[in-house]
Amino acid sequence: MDSWRAALVPALAGHGPEPRIHDTATGQLVPAAGGRIATIYACGITPYDATHIGHAATFVSWDLLIRAWRDAGHDVRYVQNVTDVDDPLLARADRDREDWRELAAREIGRYRLDMTALRVLPPDRLAGAVEALPVIEWFAGQLADRGALYELEGDQYFARSADAAFGAMPRLDPGTMVELFAERGGDPGRPGKKDPLDPLVWLAARPGEPHWPSPFGPGRPGWHVECAAIATEHLGTRFDVQAGGSDLIFPHHEMSASHARVVYGGSGPDGPAFARRYLHAGMIRLDGEKMSKSLGNLVFVSALLAQGADPMAVRLALLAGHYRADRDWAAADLAAAEGRLARWRAAVTRAGAALAAGGAMARPGAAPIPPGAAAGAERVLAAVRERMASDLDTPGALAAVDQWAAETVGAAALPPGSADGAALVRDTVDALLGIAL
C-alpha cells in the first residue's frame, strides 16, 4: 500500500557517531546497525482508531533512529506493517455498522496525514496484511512443513515446543508469559491446545467475517505470523532492529521471532534468525492513567491539530521525555512544548536579523564567520549528534538547543555571522530531531 510523502531533510556537514540503542534482549547499550545498510522493521497500526498520542510517540522514536542512522552515513531500509484485518478492526466495524475495508482505508488515510504533519519519515515499504496474504500463507506453509503446526477445530496453532529458544528475548517466567498472553490477545485457556502459550497461525473462517482460501482451508492469518512473514520477506532472514511499543515485547515480538527461528534456523554468523536488536518504546498515560480505548481516554493527533495545535509543538512535547520511559501526557506538556518552540524560533529569527546588521560577511565568498558566532552553533550540532547516538537521548539534545536559544535571545548584541550559526542550528534541529523552525 502507499506510504506518505517524506519531508525534506537538510544535509549536515560530516557524519554523526554510530547510534547505540538499549537492546531489550540483552539489556545492554549496543550499536543499532550491523553494517552500512541499516534495517528496521516496526510494527504498525491496526486501523480501527488512528493515530493516538501513544502511536505518535512510538513512531516518532523510530524516526529519530532513522535520522541518526542516516546522519552517521548509513543507507536505511525501513519496513512497517499495517494489520488491516484483525479482531479489533472487525469489532469496531460491526459496532458502527460499517464495512471493515472502508473503516481501515479511512483510518490508514488519517494515519498518513498525522505522520506527514509530524514530519515522520515514511517507511520504504508500508505493507498491509491483506496485500501480504500470499507471503503469509507461504510462511505458514513452511511452519507446517517443519511440523510446527497442529489443527484444533479447523484453526492452525504453532507449537511453541518446536522452538527450543522460545522465551529467550523477553526473559519472563512461564506464569508471567501466560498472564500477558491472556491480556494481549492470546487464548491460553482454550481447551484442546497442547500448550497455553501456543499462538494462532491461521483462523478458520467464521460466519460473517472476511476469509481467504488457503491450504489450511478458508480463513485469515494470525497477528504474529503476519509480522514474521512481512519482516523477513522485505528485510531478509536477519535484520538489525525490531521496533515497537513495550507492550509488544511479549507475546508479539517473541512469537514472531519464534516463528522465524523455526522457518529459517536458530543461528548463523549474525545470531538467530529475525532481529539482531529489539527496541521498545514506553507507554503513554493520560494524567497518570493508562491510555486505552476501553477507558475512552485516547488523545488523537488529528484532534489536537484540529484544535489548532502546531504539529511541531506536538512532536516537541513527545521528545521532552525519553522514548523508553513510561510517561504522562497532559495539556501542560503541550503548553510547555509550545513555549519551547516559540523560544527556539525567536532565537533563529533574532540571529537571522544579524545578517542585516553586518552578517553580510558570512555570505559565500566573503570573510570567514567570526569564531564566536560559529562555535555556538557547532557545539549544538556536536551535542545533539552525541545525545541522539546515545540511545536517542532527546531530553539531552533539547537541553543543548535550549542553551543556545537562551544565549541568543539574551545576548545584548550578536556578532556578524550569527545568521549562519542560526541556519546551522535550524538545520540540526530539522535533520536530527525532525522539528521545522
Protein backbone atom coordinates (compact mmCIF):
# COMPACT_ATOMS: atom_id res chain seq x y z
CA MET A 1 0.00 0.00 0.00
CA ASP A 2 1.04 3.62 -0.41
CA SER A 3 3.15 5.23 2.29
CA TRP A 4 3.28 9.04 2.66
CA ARG A 5 5.48 11.78 1.27
CA ALA A 6 8.79 12.34 3.03
CA ALA A 7 9.76 15.71 4.43
CA LEU A 8 12.96 17.20 3.06
CA VAL A 9 15.87 16.58 5.44
CA PRO A 10 18.73 19.13 5.43
CA ALA A 11 22.22 17.78 4.78
CA LEU A 12 24.67 18.33 7.64
CA ALA A 13 28.43 18.55 7.23
CA GLY A 14 30.36 15.43 8.20
CA HIS A 15 28.81 12.46 9.95
CA GLY A 16 27.45 11.83 13.40
CA PRO A 17 28.65 8.99 15.67
CA GLU A 18 27.34 5.45 15.32
CA PRO A 19 23.93 5.20 17.06
CA ARG A 20 23.78 2.87 20.05
CA ILE A 21 20.50 1.65 21.49
CA HIS A 22 19.25 -0.23 24.53
CA ASP A 23 18.62 -3.78 23.31
CA THR A 24 15.69 -5.35 25.15
CA ALA A 25 17.03 -8.86 24.59
CA THR A 26 20.37 -8.23 26.33
CA GLY A 27 19.67 -5.13 28.42
CA GLN A 28 22.86 -3.58 27.01
CA LEU A 29 23.67 -0.45 25.03
CA VAL A 30 24.82 -1.74 21.65
CA PRO A 31 25.36 -0.46 18.08
CA ALA A 32 21.99 -0.44 16.37
CA ALA A 33 23.25 -1.37 12.90
CA GLY A 34 25.44 -4.25 11.86
CA GLY A 35 26.67 -2.87 8.54
CA ARG A 36 26.47 0.02 6.09
CA ILE A 37 22.84 -0.78 5.27
CA ALA A 38 20.76 -0.41 8.43
CA THR A 39 17.47 -2.31 8.53
CA ILE A 40 14.45 -1.86 10.77
CA TYR A 41 11.01 -3.42 11.00
CA ALA A 42 8.43 -1.52 13.03
CA CYS A 43 5.05 -2.94 13.96
CA GLY A 44 2.40 -0.57 12.66
CA ILE A 45 -1.21 0.23 13.41
CA THR A 46 -4.38 -1.81 13.44
CA PRO A 47 -6.51 0.82 11.70
CA TYR A 48 -9.67 0.98 13.77
CA ASP A 49 -8.57 4.16 15.62
CA ALA A 50 -5.55 6.12 14.42
CA THR A 51 -3.45 7.94 15.49
CA HIS A 52 -3.45 8.46 19.25
CA ILE A 53 -0.58 10.14 21.03
CA GLY A 54 0.88 6.81 22.13
CA HIS A 55 1.16 5.72 18.49
CA ALA A 56 2.75 9.05 17.66
CA ALA A 57 5.35 8.73 20.42
CA THR A 58 6.34 5.27 19.19
CA PHE A 59 6.67 6.17 15.51
CA VAL A 60 8.50 9.41 16.28
CA SER A 61 11.03 7.32 18.24
CA TRP A 62 11.85 5.13 15.23
CA ASP A 63 12.01 8.24 13.08
CA LEU A 64 14.76 9.55 15.35
CA LEU A 65 16.79 6.36 14.90
CA ILE A 66 16.43 6.53 11.13
CA ARG A 67 17.59 10.16 11.13
CA ALA A 68 20.58 9.30 13.35
CA TRP A 69 21.47 6.34 11.12
CA ARG A 70 21.40 8.47 8.01
CA ASP A 71 23.46 11.18 9.67
CA ALA A 72 26.03 8.52 10.60
CA GLY A 73 26.34 7.57 6.93
CA HIS A 74 24.06 4.54 6.74
CA ASP A 75 21.63 3.70 4.00
CA VAL A 76 18.39 2.69 5.69
CA ARG A 77 15.77 0.11 4.76
CA TYR A 78 12.61 0.61 6.81
CA VAL A 79 9.55 -1.65 6.68
CA GLN A 80 6.33 -1.19 8.61
CA ASN A 81 3.17 -3.26 8.53
CA VAL A 82 -0.49 -2.35 8.85
CA THR A 83 -2.74 -5.03 10.34
CA ASP A 84 -5.71 -4.19 8.15
CA VAL A 85 -7.73 -7.27 9.09
CA ASP A 86 -7.95 -8.32 12.74
CA ASP A 87 -10.46 -8.75 15.55
CA PRO A 88 -10.40 -5.15 16.90
CA LEU A 89 -10.97 -3.75 13.40
CA LEU A 90 -13.84 -6.16 12.71
CA ALA A 91 -15.43 -5.46 16.11
CA ARG A 92 -15.33 -1.70 15.54
CA ALA A 93 -16.79 -2.07 12.04
CA ASP A 94 -19.56 -4.30 13.37
CA ARG A 95 -20.32 -1.85 16.19
CA ASP A 96 -20.57 1.08 13.79
CA ARG A 97 -22.29 -0.95 11.06
CA GLU A 98 -19.55 -0.06 8.63
CA ASP A 99 -17.70 -2.11 6.05
CA TRP A 100 -14.39 -3.13 7.65
CA ARG A 101 -12.49 -2.26 4.46
CA GLU A 102 -13.88 1.28 4.42
CA LEU A 103 -13.05 1.73 8.10
CA ALA A 104 -9.49 0.53 7.54
CA ALA A 105 -8.99 2.75 4.49
CA ARG A 106 -10.25 5.84 6.33
CA GLU A 107 -8.07 5.30 9.40
CA ILE A 108 -4.99 4.47 7.32
CA GLY A 109 -5.55 7.74 5.46
CA ARG A 110 -5.78 9.61 8.75
CA TYR A 111 -2.60 7.92 9.94
CA ARG A 112 -0.74 9.05 6.81
CA LEU A 113 -1.88 12.64 7.38
CA ASP A 114 -0.81 12.55 11.03
CA MET A 115 2.63 11.15 10.20
CA THR A 116 3.10 13.77 7.48
CA ALA A 117 2.13 16.57 9.89
CA LEU A 118 4.59 15.28 12.49
CA ARG A 119 7.33 15.03 9.83
CA VAL A 120 7.87 11.32 10.47
CA LEU A 121 9.89 9.90 7.60
CA PRO A 122 7.90 7.20 5.79
CA PRO A 123 8.90 3.53 5.61
CA ASP A 124 10.32 2.30 2.34
CA ARG A 125 7.60 -0.32 2.42
CA LEU A 126 4.23 0.03 4.15
CA ALA A 127 2.77 -3.46 3.92
CA GLY A 128 -0.82 -4.33 4.71
CA ALA A 129 -1.74 -7.79 5.95
CA VAL A 130 -4.35 -8.27 3.23
CA GLU A 131 -1.95 -7.49 0.39
CA ALA A 132 0.68 -9.70 2.06
CA LEU A 133 -1.59 -12.76 2.28
CA PRO A 134 0.39 -14.77 -0.32
CA VAL A 135 3.63 -14.20 1.64
CA ILE A 136 1.96 -15.01 4.97
CA GLU A 137 0.37 -18.15 3.53
CA TRP A 138 3.74 -19.31 2.18
CA PHE A 139 5.40 -18.66 5.54
CA ALA A 140 2.68 -20.57 7.41
CA GLY A 141 3.18 -23.42 4.97
CA GLN A 142 6.86 -23.52 5.89
CA LEU A 143 5.91 -23.83 9.56
CA ALA A 144 3.62 -26.71 8.66
CA ASP A 145 6.34 -28.42 6.62
CA ARG A 146 8.59 -28.31 9.68
CA GLY A 147 5.96 -29.97 11.84
CA ALA A 148 5.42 -26.85 13.92
CA LEU A 149 1.65 -26.53 13.39
CA TYR A 150 -1.31 -28.53 14.63
CA GLU A 151 -5.01 -28.28 13.96
CA LEU A 152 -7.68 -27.51 16.54
CA GLU A 153 -11.30 -27.31 15.35
CA GLY A 154 -10.15 -26.05 11.97
CA ASP A 155 -7.73 -23.48 13.38
CA GLN A 156 -3.96 -23.86 12.99
CA TYR A 157 -1.74 -23.35 16.05
CA PHE A 158 2.02 -23.03 16.35
CA ALA A 159 3.53 -25.48 18.82
CA ARG A 160 5.97 -23.43 20.84
CA SER A 161 7.80 -26.66 21.67
CA ALA A 162 9.08 -26.58 18.08
CA ASP A 163 11.39 -23.71 19.09
CA ALA A 164 13.89 -24.60 21.80
CA ALA A 165 14.75 -20.90 22.22
CA PHE A 166 11.17 -19.78 22.87
CA GLY A 167 11.04 -17.08 25.54
CA ALA A 168 14.71 -16.08 25.24
CA MET A 169 14.16 -12.44 24.30
CA PRO A 170 11.72 -11.22 26.99
CA ARG A 171 13.30 -13.37 29.74
CA LEU A 172 9.99 -13.92 31.55
CA ASP A 173 8.87 -16.81 33.70
CA PRO A 174 6.11 -19.08 32.27
CA GLY A 175 3.42 -17.76 34.60
CA THR A 176 4.04 -14.16 33.57
CA MET A 177 4.04 -15.15 29.90
CA VAL A 178 0.65 -16.84 30.26
CA GLU A 179 -0.75 -13.79 32.07
CA LEU A 180 0.49 -11.38 29.41
CA PHE A 181 -0.68 -13.67 26.61
CA ALA A 182 -4.21 -13.56 28.03
CA GLU A 183 -4.11 -9.76 28.44
CA ARG A 184 -2.78 -9.10 24.94
CA GLY A 185 -5.00 -11.01 22.58
CA GLY A 186 -3.97 -14.61 23.25
CA ASP A 187 -6.13 -17.57 24.25
CA PRO A 188 -4.12 -19.57 26.81
CA GLY A 189 -7.24 -21.12 28.28
CA ARG A 190 -8.67 -22.62 25.10
CA PRO A 191 -9.40 -26.33 25.62
CA GLY A 192 -7.52 -28.69 23.34
CA LYS A 193 -4.34 -26.64 22.95
CA LYS A 194 -1.11 -28.53 23.50
CA ASP A 195 0.36 -25.64 25.47
CA PRO A 196 -1.33 -22.49 26.84
CA LEU A 197 1.30 -20.35 25.06
CA ASP A 198 0.77 -21.82 21.59
CA PRO A 199 -0.30 -18.93 19.32
CA LEU A 200 -2.81 -18.97 16.48
CA VAL A 201 -1.34 -19.00 12.97
CA TRP A 202 -4.47 -19.45 10.83
CA LEU A 203 -8.03 -18.74 11.98
CA ALA A 204 -10.64 -20.81 10.17
CA ALA A 205 -13.47 -18.83 8.59
CA ARG A 206 -16.17 -17.61 10.99
CA PRO A 207 -19.68 -16.64 9.88
CA GLY A 208 -19.85 -13.04 8.72
CA GLU A 209 -16.08 -12.49 8.91
CA PRO A 210 -13.68 -11.97 5.99
CA HIS A 211 -11.73 -15.01 4.89
CA TRP A 212 -9.47 -16.17 2.09
CA PRO A 213 -8.67 -19.59 0.63
CA SER A 214 -5.52 -21.37 1.77
CA PRO A 215 -4.09 -24.90 2.06
CA PHE A 216 -5.44 -24.87 5.62
CA GLY A 217 -8.93 -24.07 4.40
CA PRO A 218 -10.69 -20.69 4.19
CA GLY A 219 -9.73 -18.24 6.92
CA ARG A 220 -7.31 -15.46 7.82
CA PRO A 221 -3.86 -15.21 9.40
CA GLY A 222 -2.87 -14.63 12.99
CA TRP A 223 -1.04 -11.49 14.04
CA HIS A 224 2.36 -12.95 14.94
CA VAL A 225 2.84 -14.86 11.70
CA GLU A 226 1.86 -11.73 9.77
CA CYS A 227 4.82 -9.74 11.08
CA ALA A 228 7.25 -12.66 10.87
CA ALA A 229 6.39 -13.16 7.21
CA ILE A 230 6.38 -9.49 6.18
CA ALA A 231 9.61 -8.61 8.02
CA THR A 232 11.64 -11.48 6.58
CA GLU A 233 10.16 -11.09 3.10
CA HIS A 234 11.31 -7.47 2.79
CA LEU A 235 14.38 -7.33 5.06
CA GLY A 236 15.78 -10.84 4.86
CA THR A 237 16.05 -13.59 7.41
CA ARG A 238 18.27 -11.46 9.68
CA PHE A 239 17.86 -7.72 10.06
CA ASP A 240 19.04 -5.11 12.52
CA VAL A 241 16.13 -3.86 14.61
CA GLN A 242 12.63 -4.99 15.54
CA ALA A 243 10.84 -1.97 16.99
CA GLY A 244 7.56 -1.44 18.78
CA GLY A 245 5.89 -0.39 21.99
CA SER A 246 6.90 -2.14 25.20
CA ASP A 247 3.52 -3.91 25.23
CA LEU A 248 4.72 -5.88 22.19
CA ILE A 249 7.75 -7.45 23.90
CA PHE A 250 5.55 -10.39 24.79
CA PRO A 251 3.77 -12.07 23.21
CA HIS A 252 4.02 -10.40 19.83
CA HIS A 253 7.72 -9.87 19.23
CA GLU A 254 8.82 -13.09 20.88
CA MET A 255 6.26 -15.15 18.97
CA SER A 256 7.10 -13.55 15.62
CA ALA A 257 10.78 -14.25 16.24
CA SER A 258 9.98 -17.81 17.30
CA HIS A 259 8.15 -18.43 14.03
CA ALA A 260 11.16 -17.10 12.10
CA ARG A 261 13.63 -19.24 14.02
CA VAL A 262 11.68 -22.37 13.12
CA VAL A 263 11.42 -21.42 9.43
CA TYR A 264 14.93 -20.05 8.90
CA GLY A 265 17.09 -21.72 11.51
CA GLY A 266 18.14 -20.95 15.02
CA SER A 267 21.54 -19.39 14.48
CA GLY A 268 24.02 -18.01 12.00
CA PRO A 269 27.07 -15.75 11.85
CA ASP A 270 24.94 -12.80 12.96
CA GLY A 271 22.92 -14.70 15.54
CA PRO A 272 19.43 -16.24 15.39
CA ALA A 273 17.01 -15.60 12.56
CA PHE A 274 14.93 -12.44 12.76
CA ALA A 275 16.14 -9.31 14.58
CA ARG A 276 19.65 -8.67 15.92
CA ARG A 277 18.31 -5.99 18.30
CA TYR A 278 14.98 -5.24 19.94
CA LEU A 279 13.95 -1.64 20.55
CA HIS A 280 10.90 -0.81 22.65
CA ALA A 281 9.18 2.46 23.48
CA GLY A 282 7.46 3.18 26.78
CA MET A 283 3.72 3.63 27.25
CA ILE A 284 1.95 6.99 27.34
CA ARG A 285 -0.56 7.65 30.11
CA LEU A 286 -3.14 10.44 30.28
CA ASP A 287 -2.87 12.40 33.52
CA GLY A 288 -1.46 9.36 35.31
CA GLU A 289 -3.90 6.80 33.91
CA LYS A 290 -3.21 4.21 31.21
CA MET A 291 -4.45 5.42 27.85
CA SER A 292 -6.80 2.91 26.25
CA LYS A 293 -9.83 2.65 24.02
CA SER A 294 -11.83 0.87 26.74
CA LEU A 295 -11.32 3.78 29.15
CA GLY A 296 -12.23 6.32 26.49
CA ASN A 297 -9.21 8.48 27.28
CA LEU A 298 -7.33 8.39 23.98
CA VAL A 299 -5.79 11.64 22.77
CA PHE A 300 -5.74 11.72 18.98
CA VAL A 301 -3.16 13.64 16.98
CA SER A 302 -5.78 14.66 14.43
CA ALA A 303 -7.94 16.13 17.19
CA LEU A 304 -5.02 18.15 18.60
CA LEU A 305 -4.25 19.52 15.15
CA ALA A 306 -7.92 20.33 14.51
CA GLN A 307 -7.90 22.32 17.76
CA GLY A 308 -5.06 24.43 16.38
CA ALA A 309 -2.01 22.75 17.91
CA ASP A 310 1.22 23.25 15.97
CA PRO A 311 2.34 19.74 14.89
CA MET A 312 5.92 20.74 15.71
CA ALA A 313 4.83 21.51 19.27
CA VAL A 314 3.15 18.09 19.48
CA ARG A 315 6.34 16.42 18.29
CA LEU A 316 8.48 18.52 20.63
CA ALA A 317 6.28 17.54 23.57
CA LEU A 318 6.92 13.89 22.75
CA LEU A 319 10.67 14.49 22.53
CA ALA A 320 10.72 16.02 26.02
CA GLY A 321 10.66 12.53 27.55
CA HIS A 322 13.00 9.63 26.82
CA TYR A 323 11.45 7.17 24.40
CA ARG A 324 11.92 4.16 26.72
CA ALA A 325 10.21 5.77 29.69
CA ASP A 326 6.55 5.29 30.56
CA ARG A 327 5.25 8.83 30.84
CA ASP A 328 2.20 11.03 31.07
CA TRP A 329 0.54 13.23 28.50
CA ALA A 330 -1.15 16.34 29.85
CA ALA A 331 -2.27 19.69 28.46
CA ALA A 332 0.60 21.29 30.38
CA ASP A 333 3.11 19.24 28.36
CA LEU A 334 1.82 20.62 25.10
CA ALA A 335 1.80 24.17 26.52
CA ALA A 336 5.42 23.75 27.63
CA ALA A 337 6.38 22.50 24.18
CA GLU A 338 4.67 25.46 22.56
CA GLY A 339 6.73 27.77 24.77
CA ARG A 340 9.96 25.95 23.92
CA LEU A 341 9.16 26.05 20.20
CA ALA A 342 8.47 29.79 20.40
CA ARG A 343 11.81 30.39 22.15
CA TRP A 344 13.73 28.41 19.55
CA ARG A 345 12.02 30.23 16.70
CA ALA A 346 12.61 33.58 18.36
CA ALA A 347 16.32 32.78 18.65
CA VAL A 348 16.57 31.79 15.00
CA THR A 349 14.67 34.93 13.96
CA ARG A 350 16.86 37.21 16.07
CA ALA A 351 20.09 35.63 14.84
CA GLY A 352 18.83 35.81 11.28
CA ALA A 353 18.30 39.53 11.70
CA ALA A 354 22.03 39.87 12.36
CA LEU A 355 22.53 39.46 8.61
CA ALA A 356 21.16 42.95 8.09
CA ALA A 357 23.46 44.31 10.80
CA GLY A 358 26.75 43.12 9.42
CA GLY A 359 26.23 39.44 8.72
CA ALA A 360 26.90 40.02 5.03
CA MET A 361 30.46 38.98 5.77
CA ALA A 362 29.11 35.44 6.37
CA ARG A 363 27.76 35.07 2.86
CA PRO A 364 29.51 32.68 0.40
CA GLY A 365 32.75 34.20 -0.89
CA ALA A 366 33.02 36.68 1.96
CA ALA A 367 35.26 36.66 5.01
CA PRO A 368 35.06 33.70 7.45
CA ILE A 369 32.42 33.67 10.18
CA PRO A 370 33.82 35.02 13.44
CA PRO A 371 34.69 32.14 15.80
CA GLY A 372 32.20 33.19 18.46
CA ALA A 373 29.25 33.07 16.08
CA ALA A 374 30.12 29.72 14.55
CA ALA A 375 31.30 27.94 17.68
CA GLY A 376 27.98 28.06 19.49
CA ALA A 377 26.11 26.52 16.58
CA GLU A 378 28.78 23.88 16.04
CA ARG A 379 28.57 22.96 19.71
CA VAL A 380 24.83 22.46 19.29
CA LEU A 381 25.39 20.17 16.29
CA ALA A 382 28.01 18.14 18.17
CA ALA A 383 25.88 17.88 21.31
CA VAL A 384 22.71 16.87 19.50
CA ARG A 385 24.60 14.26 17.48
CA GLU A 386 26.22 12.84 20.58
CA ARG A 387 22.96 12.69 22.54
CA MET A 388 20.98 11.09 19.71
CA ALA A 389 23.68 8.46 19.21
CA SER A 390 23.39 7.57 22.92
CA ASP A 391 20.08 5.68 22.91
CA LEU A 392 18.14 8.56 21.37
CA ASP A 393 18.54 10.87 24.36
CA THR A 394 16.11 13.59 23.29
CA PRO A 395 15.98 15.36 26.69
CA GLY A 396 19.74 15.90 26.46
CA ALA A 397 19.51 17.07 22.85
CA LEU A 398 16.73 19.52 23.67
CA ALA A 399 18.76 20.95 26.55
CA ALA A 400 21.63 21.77 24.16
CA VAL A 401 19.30 23.71 21.87
CA ASP A 402 17.65 25.39 24.86
CA GLN A 403 21.01 26.73 25.99
CA TRP A 404 21.82 28.14 22.55
CA ALA A 405 18.39 29.74 22.27
CA ALA A 406 18.65 31.35 25.70
CA GLU A 407 22.12 32.75 24.94
CA THR A 408 20.99 34.06 21.54
CA VAL A 409 17.84 35.74 22.78
CA GLY A 410 19.51 37.08 25.91
CA ALA A 411 22.67 38.49 24.33
CA ALA A 412 22.98 42.27 24.25
CA ALA A 413 24.33 42.09 20.72
CA LEU A 414 25.09 39.36 18.20
CA PRO A 415 28.29 39.22 16.15
CA PRO A 416 28.36 39.13 12.35
CA GLY A 417 27.92 35.58 11.16
CA SER A 418 25.16 34.82 13.66
CA ALA A 419 22.71 34.27 10.81
CA ASP A 420 24.80 31.39 9.51
CA GLY A 421 25.09 29.97 13.01
CA ALA A 422 21.31 30.12 13.33
CA ALA A 423 20.95 28.37 9.98
CA LEU A 424 23.17 25.54 11.24
CA VAL A 425 21.10 25.17 14.43
CA ARG A 426 17.90 25.25 12.39
CA ASP A 427 19.21 22.52 10.07
CA THR A 428 20.46 20.45 13.03
CA VAL A 429 17.10 20.55 14.75
CA ASP A 430 15.35 19.72 11.48
CA ALA A 431 17.66 16.91 10.34
CA LEU A 432 18.16 15.12 13.67
CA LEU A 433 15.03 15.96 15.70
CA GLY A 434 12.52 16.45 12.89
CA ILE A 435 11.48 19.91 14.14
CA ALA A 436 10.93 22.54 11.48
CA LEU A 437 11.70 26.02 12.80
